[in-house]
Amino acid sequence: MPSRPSKRLQTFANPSPRRDYRIAMEIPEFTCLCPLTGQPDFATLSLEYVPDRLCVELKSLKLYIWSYRDQGAFHEAVTNRICDDLVRALRPRHLRLTAKFNVRGGIFTSVVAEHRKKGWKATT
């Protein structure tokens, strides 16, 4: 049975919870719709996080990102929504999501949303 988009982010236990380490992912095929025109918007998402107890399972992340394909959203709103959902699922020590949207009307837009666990300071 083929995969379907899903808003469910699955996690697994961090294999090294005592160590601060960074996980970085690049997602070059993000799409959503312009809420005003209905035209597609394309972006590359760069996700970096320092896990605490949980890590995100990659297939669920792929299906989650796919779930935005037919949704209208402003760049700022969708970037912050994805960041919030990831923080809610993972409770990371630190997370940064950068969304670099393709040119639209002669303007490139990049949105950076960041979360830092209260009291956490990078050890590197």
Protein backbone atom coordinates (compact mmCIF):
# COMPACT_ATOMS: atom_id res chain seq x y z
CA MET A 1 0.00 0.00 0.00
CA PRO A 2 1.46 3.41 -0.92
CA SER A 3 2.35 5.93 1.76
CA ARG A 4 0.04 8.83 2.51
CA PRO A 5 0.71 12.26 4.01
CA SER A 6 0.37 12.36 7.78
CA LYS A 7 0.61 14.96 10.56
CA ARG A 8 1.86 12.27 12.98
CA LEU A 9 5.52 12.61 13.89
CA GLN A 10 6.97 9.39 15.27
CA THR A 11 9.99 9.30 17.55
CA PHE A 12 12.50 6.84 18.96
CA ALA A 13 14.74 6.90 22.02
CA ASN A 14 17.92 8.94 21.75
CA PRO A 15 20.75 6.36 21.68
CA SER A 16 23.16 8.80 23.44
CA PRO A 17 21.07 10.98 25.78
CA ARG A 18 24.05 11.99 27.96
CA ARG A 19 25.88 13.64 25.06
CA ASP A 20 25.06 16.84 23.22
CA TYR A 21 25.24 16.13 19.51
CA ARG A 22 23.66 17.78 16.51
CA ILE A 23 21.43 16.10 13.97
CA ALA A 24 21.14 17.96 10.66
CA MET A 25 18.75 17.24 7.83
CA GLU A 26 18.07 18.94 4.53
CA ILE A 27 14.63 18.56 2.99
CA PRO A 28 14.79 19.97 -0.56
CA GLU A 29 11.26 19.11 -1.71
CA PHE A 30 8.96 21.06 0.63
CA THR A 31 5.86 22.46 -1.03
CA CYS A 32 2.78 24.28 0.17
CA LEU A 33 0.33 26.65 -1.49
CA CYS A 34 0.23 30.42 -1.45
CA PRO A 35 -2.85 31.26 0.64
CA LEU A 36 -3.69 34.22 -1.62
CA THR A 37 -3.20 32.79 -5.11
CA GLY A 38 -3.28 29.03 -4.58
CA GLN A 39 -0.04 28.71 -6.54
CA PRO A 40 2.61 26.31 -5.24
CA ASP A 41 5.48 27.56 -3.11
CA PHE A 42 8.69 25.52 -3.03
CA ALA A 43 11.32 25.53 -0.31
CA THR A 44 14.33 23.73 1.05
CA LEU A 45 14.03 23.09 4.77
CA SER A 46 17.16 22.74 6.88
CA LEU A 47 16.49 21.13 10.24
CA GLU A 48 19.13 21.04 12.97
CA TYR A 49 18.51 19.82 16.48
CA VAL A 50 20.22 18.60 19.62
CA PRO A 51 18.06 15.76 20.91
CA ASP A 52 17.25 15.26 24.56
CA ARG A 53 15.40 11.97 25.06
CA LEU A 54 13.86 11.53 21.59
CA CYS A 55 14.83 11.62 17.92
CA VAL A 56 12.46 11.97 14.96
CA GLU A 57 11.86 8.92 12.77
CA LEU A 58 12.70 9.90 9.18
CA LYS A 59 9.80 8.32 7.27
CA SER A 60 7.27 9.98 9.59
CA LEU A 61 9.08 13.30 9.04
CA LYS A 62 8.84 12.79 5.28
CA LEU A 63 5.10 12.05 5.47
CA TYR A 64 4.60 15.00 7.82
CA ILE A 65 6.36 17.39 5.42
CA TRP A 66 4.32 15.93 2.53
CA SER A 67 1.11 16.78 4.41
CA TYR A 68 1.65 20.48 3.66
CA ARG A 69 1.60 20.01 -0.12
CA ASP A 70 -2.07 21.00 -0.55
CA GLN A 71 -2.31 23.50 2.32
CA GLY A 72 -2.26 27.24 1.96
CA ALA A 73 0.19 28.94 4.30
CA PHE A 74 2.29 32.07 4.54
CA HIS A 75 6.02 31.30 4.72
CA GLU A 76 6.37 32.65 8.24
CA ALA A 77 3.36 30.74 9.56
CA VAL A 78 4.25 27.36 8.07
CA THR A 79 7.87 27.55 9.24
CA ASN A 80 6.81 28.34 12.80
CA ARG A 81 4.08 25.68 12.76
CA ILE A 82 6.56 22.99 11.68
CA CYS A 83 9.03 24.16 14.34
CA ASP A 84 6.30 24.05 17.02
CA ASP A 85 5.19 20.55 15.98
CA LEU A 86 8.76 19.24 16.06
CA VAL A 87 9.40 20.81 19.47
CA ARG A 88 6.15 19.34 20.82
CA ALA A 89 7.07 15.84 19.54
CA LEU A 90 10.77 15.84 20.42
CA ARG A 91 11.26 18.23 23.36
CA PRO A 92 14.82 18.82 22.06
CA ARG A 93 17.57 20.71 23.84
CA HIS A 94 17.83 22.95 20.82
CA LEU A 95 16.14 23.07 17.42
CA ARG A 96 16.54 25.40 14.45
CA LEU A 97 14.43 25.19 11.31
CA THR A 98 15.44 27.27 8.30
CA ALA A 99 13.04 27.49 5.37
CA LYS A 100 14.54 28.89 2.16
CA PHE A 101 11.70 29.53 -0.26
CA ASN A 102 12.26 29.78 -3.99
CA VAL A 103 11.91 33.13 -5.67
CA ARG A 104 8.39 34.55 -5.91
CA GLY A 105 7.85 37.94 -7.54
CA GLY A 106 11.60 38.59 -7.59
CA ILE A 107 11.96 37.99 -3.83
CA PHE A 108 13.67 35.09 -2.08
CA THR A 109 12.35 34.50 1.44
CA SER A 110 14.16 32.72 4.26
CA VAL A 111 12.51 32.14 7.61
CA VAL A 112 14.40 30.84 10.66
CA ALA A 113 12.50 29.52 13.69
CA GLU A 114 14.43 28.43 16.75
CA HIS A 115 13.75 26.74 20.10
CA ARG A 116 16.13 26.39 23.02
CA LYS A 117 15.27 24.33 26.09
CA LYS A 118 15.22 26.54 29.16
CA GLY A 119 18.57 26.42 30.93
CA TRP A 120 20.32 24.53 28.10
CA LYS A 121 23.67 25.85 26.90
CA ALA A 122 25.65 24.27 24.10
CA THR A 123 28.70 22.34 25.27
CA THR A 124 30.53 22.69 21.96
